[in-house]
C-alpha atoms as a PDB file:
ATOM      1  CA  MET A   1      36.311  -6.962 -36.321  1.00  0.00           C
ATOM      2  CA  LYS A   2      35.876  -9.546 -33.617  1.00  0.00           C
ATOM      3  CA  ASP A   3      35.707  -6.897 -30.914  1.00  0.00           C
ATOM      4  CA  TYR A   4      33.150  -4.944 -32.910  1.00  0.00           C
ATOM      5  CA  TYR A   5      30.790  -8.029 -32.899  1.00  0.00           C
ATOM      6  CA  HIS A   6      31.305  -8.455 -29.202  1.00  0.00           C
ATOM      7  CA  MET A   7      30.555  -4.871 -28.608  1.00  0.00           C
ATOM      8  CA  LYS A   8      27.141  -5.117 -30.581  1.00  0.00           C
ATOM      9  CA  VAL A   9      26.265  -8.240 -28.770  1.00  0.00           C
ATOM     10  CA  ILE A  10      26.861  -6.518 -25.418  1.00  0.00           C
ATOM     11  CA  ALA A  11      24.884  -3.423 -26.508  1.00  0.00           C
ATOM     12  CA  LEU A  12      21.985  -5.571 -27.398  1.00  0.00           C
ATOM     13  CA  LEU A  13      21.924  -7.440 -24.275  1.00  0.00           C
ATOM     14  CA  GLY A  14      22.102  -4.269 -22.343  1.00  0.00           C
ATOM     15  CA  VAL A  15      19.194  -2.862 -24.354  1.00  0.00           C
ATOM     16  CA  ILE A  16      17.226  -6.198 -23.644  1.00  0.00           C
ATOM     17  CA  GLY A  17      18.088  -5.946 -20.064  1.00  0.00           C
ATOM     18  CA  LEU A  18      16.836  -2.442 -19.742  1.00  0.00           C
ATOM     19  CA  VAL A  19      13.544  -3.363 -21.604  1.00  0.00           C
ATOM     20  CA  PHE A  20      12.808  -6.189 -18.947  1.00  0.00           C
ATOM     21  CA  ALA A  21      13.976  -3.773 -16.218  1.00  0.00           C
ATOM     22  CA  SER A  22      11.689  -0.953 -17.369  1.00  0.00           C
ATOM     23  CA  GLN A  23       8.660  -3.596 -17.511  1.00  0.00           C
ATOM     24  CA  SER A  24       9.144  -4.401 -13.906  1.00  0.00           C
ATOM     25  CA  VAL A  25       9.487  -0.754 -12.739  1.00  0.00           C
ATOM     26  CA  CYS A  26       6.330   0.146 -14.837  1.00  0.00           C
ATOM     27  CA  TYR A  27       4.396  -2.538 -12.936  1.00  0.00           C
ATOM     28  CA  ALA A  28       5.424  -1.139  -9.515  1.00  0.00           C
ATOM     29  CA  GLN A  29       4.891   2.495 -10.421  1.00  0.00           C
ATOM     30  CA  CYS A  30       3.882   4.566  -7.597  1.00  0.00           C
ATOM     31  CA  LEU A  31       1.802   7.906  -7.412  1.00  0.00           C
ATOM     32  CA  THR A  32       3.685  10.877  -6.084  1.00  0.00           C
ATOM     33  CA  LYS A  33       2.970  14.036  -4.468  1.00  0.00           C
ATOM     34  CA  VAL A  34       4.789  16.626  -2.486  1.00  0.00           C
ATOM     35  CA  SER A  35       3.792  16.941   1.257  1.00  0.00           C
ATOM     36  CA  ARG A  36       2.722  20.293   1.979  1.00  0.00           C
ATOM     37  CA  SER A  37       3.711  19.890   5.590  1.00  0.00           C
ATOM     38  CA  THR A  38       7.284  18.539   4.980  1.00  0.00           C
ATOM     39  CA  ASN A  39       7.919  19.402   1.414  1.00  0.00           C
ATOM     40  CA  LYS A  40       9.181  15.822   0.902  1.00  0.00           C
ATOM     41  CA  THR A  41       8.057  13.650  -2.040  1.00  0.00           C
ATOM     42  CA  GLU A  42       5.615  10.830  -0.965  1.00  0.00           C
ATOM     43  CA  TYR A  43       5.197   7.724  -2.968  1.00  0.00           C
ATOM     44  CA  TYR A  44       1.835   5.899  -2.513  1.00  0.00           C
ATOM     45  CA  GLN A  45      -0.474   3.583  -4.007  1.00  0.00           C
ATOM     46  CA  VAL A  46      -4.163   3.086  -3.465  1.00  0.00           C
ATOM     47  CA  VAL A  47      -6.119  -0.145  -3.234  1.00  0.00           C
ATOM     48  CA  GLN A  48      -9.946   0.010  -3.726  1.00  0.00           C
ATOM     49  CA  LEU A  49     -11.788  -2.268  -1.086  1.00  0.00           C
ATOM     50  CA  VAL A  50     -15.574  -1.984  -1.928  1.00  0.00           C
ATOM     51  CA  ASP A  51     -15.995   1.171  -3.938  1.00  0.00           C
ATOM     52  CA  LYS A  52     -14.373   4.686  -4.259  1.00  0.00           C
ATOM     53  CA  LYS A  53     -15.518   5.393  -0.687  1.00  0.00           C
ATOM     54  CA  GLU A  54     -13.498   2.501   1.010  1.00  0.00           C
ATOM     55  CA  TYR A  55      -9.913   2.051   0.224  1.00  0.00           C
ATOM     56  CA  LEU A  56      -6.491   1.333   1.557  1.00  0.00           C
ATOM     57  CA  SER A  57      -3.290   3.405   0.835  1.00  0.00           C
ATOM     58  CA  LEU A  58       0.232   2.465   1.238  1.00  0.00           C
ATOM     59  CA  SER A  59       2.784   5.411   1.323  1.00  0.00           C
ATOM     60  CA  ARG A  60       6.506   5.981   1.620  1.00  0.00           C
ATOM     61  CA  THR A  61       8.313   9.117   2.499  1.00  0.00           C
ATOM     62  CA  GLY A  62      11.873   8.702   2.988  1.00  0.00           C
ATOM     63  CA  GLU A  63      12.258   5.533   5.059  1.00  0.00           C
ATOM     64  CA  GLU A  64       8.898   5.974   6.757  1.00  0.00           C
ATOM     65  CA  LYS A  65       6.142   3.605   5.468  1.00  0.00           C
ATOM     66  CA  ILE A  66       2.452   4.104   6.367  1.00  0.00           C
ATOM     67  CA  PHE A  67      -0.626   1.871   6.009  1.00  0.00           C
ATOM     68  CA  THR A  68      -3.815   3.803   6.023  1.00  0.00           C
ATOM     69  CA  TYR A  69      -7.474   2.675   5.903  1.00  0.00           C
ATOM     70  CA  HIS A  70      -9.944   5.275   4.403  1.00  0.00           C
ATOM     71  CA  ASN A  71     -13.732   5.122   4.782  1.00  0.00           C
ATOM     72  CA  GLU A  72     -15.917   7.931   3.632  1.00  0.00           C
ATOM     73  CA  GLU A  73     -19.179   6.148   4.981  1.00  0.00           C
ATOM     74  CA  VAL A  74     -18.483   5.029   8.486  1.00  0.00           C
ATOM     75  CA  GLU A  75     -20.846   6.405  11.011  1.00  0.00           C
ATOM     76  CA  LEU A  76     -18.365   7.387  13.590  1.00  0.00           C
ATOM     77  CA  ILE A  77     -17.866  11.157  14.025  1.00  0.00           C
ATOM     78  CA  PHE A  78     -14.941  11.233  16.431  1.00  0.00           C
ATOM     79  CA  HIS A  79     -13.034   8.010  16.961  1.00  0.00           C
ATOM     80  CA  VAL A  80     -11.412   8.020  20.440  1.00  0.00           C
ATOM     81  CA  GLN A  81     -10.278   4.346  20.852  1.00  0.00           C
ATOM     82  CA  MET A  82      -6.769   3.914  22.158  1.00  0.00           C
ATOM     83  CA  PHE A  83      -5.957   1.304  19.720  1.00  0.00           C
ATOM     84  CA  THR A  84      -7.943  -0.065  16.721  1.00  0.00           C
ATOM     85  CA  GLU A  85      -6.931  -3.527  15.280  1.00  0.00           C
ATOM     86  CA  ILE A  86      -6.304  -4.214  11.699  1.00  0.00           C
ATOM     87  CA  ARG A  87      -6.150  -7.983  11.252  1.00  0.00           C
ATOM     88  CA  PHE A  88      -4.677  -9.433   8.237  1.00  0.00           C
ATOM     89  CA  THR A  89      -5.312 -13.067   7.104  1.00  0.00           C
ATOM     90  CA  THR A  90      -2.611 -14.300   4.847  1.00  0.00           C
ATOM     91  CA  LYS A  91      -1.254 -17.523   3.396  1.00  0.00           C
ATOM     92  CA  SER A  92       1.305 -17.773   6.180  1.00  0.00           C
ATOM     93  CA  GLY A  93      -1.056 -17.019   8.955  1.00  0.00           C
ATOM     94  CA  THR A  94      -2.599 -13.934  10.787  1.00  0.00           C
ATOM     95  CA  PHE A  95      -1.030 -10.875  11.991  1.00  0.00           C
ATOM     96  CA  SER A  96      -2.314  -7.372  13.240  1.00  0.00           C
ATOM     97  CA  LEU A  97      -1.567  -3.758  12.908  1.00  0.00           C
ATOM     98  CA  PHE A  98      -2.693  -1.533  15.635  1.00  0.00           C
ATOM     99  CA  THR A  99      -3.441   2.094  14.995  1.00  0.00           C
ATOM    100  CA  THR A 100      -3.293   4.816  17.582  1.00  0.00           C
ATOM    101  CA  THR A 101      -4.900   7.435  15.773  1.00  0.00           C
ATOM    102  CA  SER A 102      -7.961   8.103  13.719  1.00  0.00           C
ATOM    103  CA  ASP A 103      -8.785  11.350  11.801  1.00  0.00           C
ATOM    104  CA  ARG A 104     -12.250  12.445  11.215  1.00  0.00           C
ATOM    105  CA  ASN A 105     -13.728  15.942  11.360  1.00  0.00           C
ATOM    106  CA  PHE A 106     -16.749  18.026  10.059  1.00  0.00           C
ATOM    107  CA  TRP A 107     -14.655  19.301   7.028  1.00  0.00           C
ATOM    108  CA  ASN A 108     -13.022  16.074   5.931  1.00  0.00           C
ATOM    109  CA  LYS A 109     -15.689  13.396   5.534  1.00  0.00           C
ATOM    110  CA  SER A 110     -13.113  10.533   5.244  1.00  0.00           C
ATOM    111  CA  PHE A 111     -12.493   8.464   8.299  1.00  0.00           C
ATOM    112  CA  MET A 112      -8.785   7.178   8.293  1.00  0.00           C
ATOM    113  CA  LEU A 113      -6.842   4.755  10.417  1.00  0.00           C
ATOM    114  CA  SER A 114      -3.114   5.051   9.974  1.00  0.00           C
ATOM    115  CA  SER A 115      -0.269   2.820  11.203  1.00  0.00           C
ATOM    116  CA  PRO A 116       3.512   2.924  10.540  1.00  0.00           C
ATOM    117  CA  VAL A 117       4.577  -0.336   9.020  1.00  0.00           C
ATOM    118  CA  THR A 118       8.033  -2.190   8.816  1.00  0.00           C
ATOM    119  CA  PRO A 119       9.362  -3.931   5.715  1.00  0.00           C
ATOM    120  CA  GLN A 120       8.659  -7.318   7.559  1.00  0.00           C
ATOM    121  CA  GLU A 121       5.052  -6.436   7.958  1.00  0.00           C
ATOM    122  CA  LEU A 122       4.878  -5.268   4.331  1.00  0.00           C
ATOM    123  CA  GLU A 123       6.330  -8.706   3.309  1.00  0.00           C
ATOM    124  CA  LYS A 124       3.668 -10.441   5.566  1.00  0.00           C
ATOM    125  CA  MET A 125       0.864  -8.581   3.573  1.00  0.00           C
ATOM    126  CA  LYS A 126       1.688 -10.458   0.440  1.00  0.00           C
ATOM    127  CA  GLY A 127      -0.841 -13.213  -0.258  1.00  0.00           C
ATOM    128  CA  THR A 128      -3.566 -11.372   1.964  1.00  0.00           C
ATOM    129  CA  SER A 129      -6.880 -13.215   1.707  1.00  0.00           C
ATOM    130  CA  LYS A 130      -8.894 -11.012   4.410  1.00  0.00           C
ATOM    131  CA  ILE A 131      -8.499  -7.867   6.259  1.00  0.00           C
ATOM    132  CA  GLU A 132     -10.527  -7.038   9.253  1.00  0.00           C
ATOM    133  CA  ILE A 133     -11.029  -3.543  10.655  1.00  0.00           C
ATOM    134  CA  ILE A 134     -12.191  -3.943  14.281  1.00  0.00           C
ATOM    135  CA  LEU A 135     -14.020  -0.649  15.226  1.00  0.00           C
ATOM    136  CA  PRO A 136     -15.801  -0.095  18.475  1.00  0.00           C
ATOM    137  CA  GLU A 137     -19.294  -0.493  16.962  1.00  0.00           C
ATOM    138  CA  GLU A 138     -18.662  -2.803  14.069  1.00  0.00           C
ATOM    139  CA  ARG A 139     -16.257  -4.957  12.242  1.00  0.00           C
ATOM    140  CA  LYS A 140     -15.470  -4.298   8.568  1.00  0.00           C
ATOM    141  CA  ILE A 141     -14.291  -7.493   6.698  1.00  0.00           C
ATOM    142  CA  TYR A 142     -12.857  -7.292   3.167  1.00  0.00           C
ATOM    143  CA  THR A 143     -11.871 -10.379   1.311  1.00  0.00           C
ATOM    144  CA  PHE A 144      -9.321 -10.412  -1.306  1.00  0.00           C
ATOM    145  CA  SER A 145      -9.609 -12.260  -4.697  1.00  0.00           C
ATOM    146  CA  PRO A 146      -6.457 -13.303  -6.511  1.00  0.00           C
ATOM    147  CA  LYS A 147      -7.035 -10.138  -8.823  1.00  0.00           C
ATOM    148  CA  SER A 148      -7.419  -7.801  -5.863  1.00  0.00           C
ATOM    149  CA  ASN A 149      -4.527  -9.307  -4.191  1.00  0.00           C
ATOM    150  CA  GLN A 150      -2.403  -8.626  -7.293  1.00  0.00           C
ATOM    151  CA  ILE A 151      -3.398  -4.768  -6.865  1.00  0.00           C
ATOM    152  CA  LEU A 152      -2.320  -5.094  -3.150  1.00  0.00           C
ATOM    153  CA  ASN A 153       0.936  -6.570  -4.151  1.00  0.00           C
ATOM    154  CA  LYS A 154       1.612  -3.682  -6.653  1.00  0.00           C
ATOM    155  CA  ALA A 155       1.023  -1.337  -3.736  1.00  0.00           C
ATOM    156  CA  LEU A 156       3.411  -3.117  -1.575  1.00  0.00           C
ATOM    157  CA  ALA A 157       6.047  -3.062  -4.252  1.00  0.00           C
ATOM    158  CA  CYS A 158       5.583   0.539  -4.440  1.00  0.00           C
ATOM    159  CA  VAL A 159       6.695   1.150  -0.835  1.00  0.00           C
ATOM    160  CA  LEU A 160       9.068  -1.771  -0.181  1.00  0.00           C
END
């Protein structure tokens, strides 16, 4: 009888543990899609900046993690800079990512800057208060409220 009681307690604790674990997993839920080029599953999360035309995305395919800035309204038709700086201001200081490619063409109206990121850089992004995109003709500055920082942290949890 004593063993039956212990088994019930252990099972109940297991169920409680699963409930708490599923709540934290739900918080960090990622969107998924299958890449047409590699046929691998890509996990990603989108962070709106101003409206639906300007946003960040963080994605993970296997061990590769990518930070991407999307803007459908930027005036640059073709961007040929060697490096574009994306500067993050966080609670722990300032750091930069440098992109070496940008994508924009006549049939895709979204301008994108992409950069691979390390787990250490993703950790540094927590607590971001400002992101600056330094383009040749302009500087785009986005400030993060505590609520928008929560959304960014959800995206970071998705790819970490």
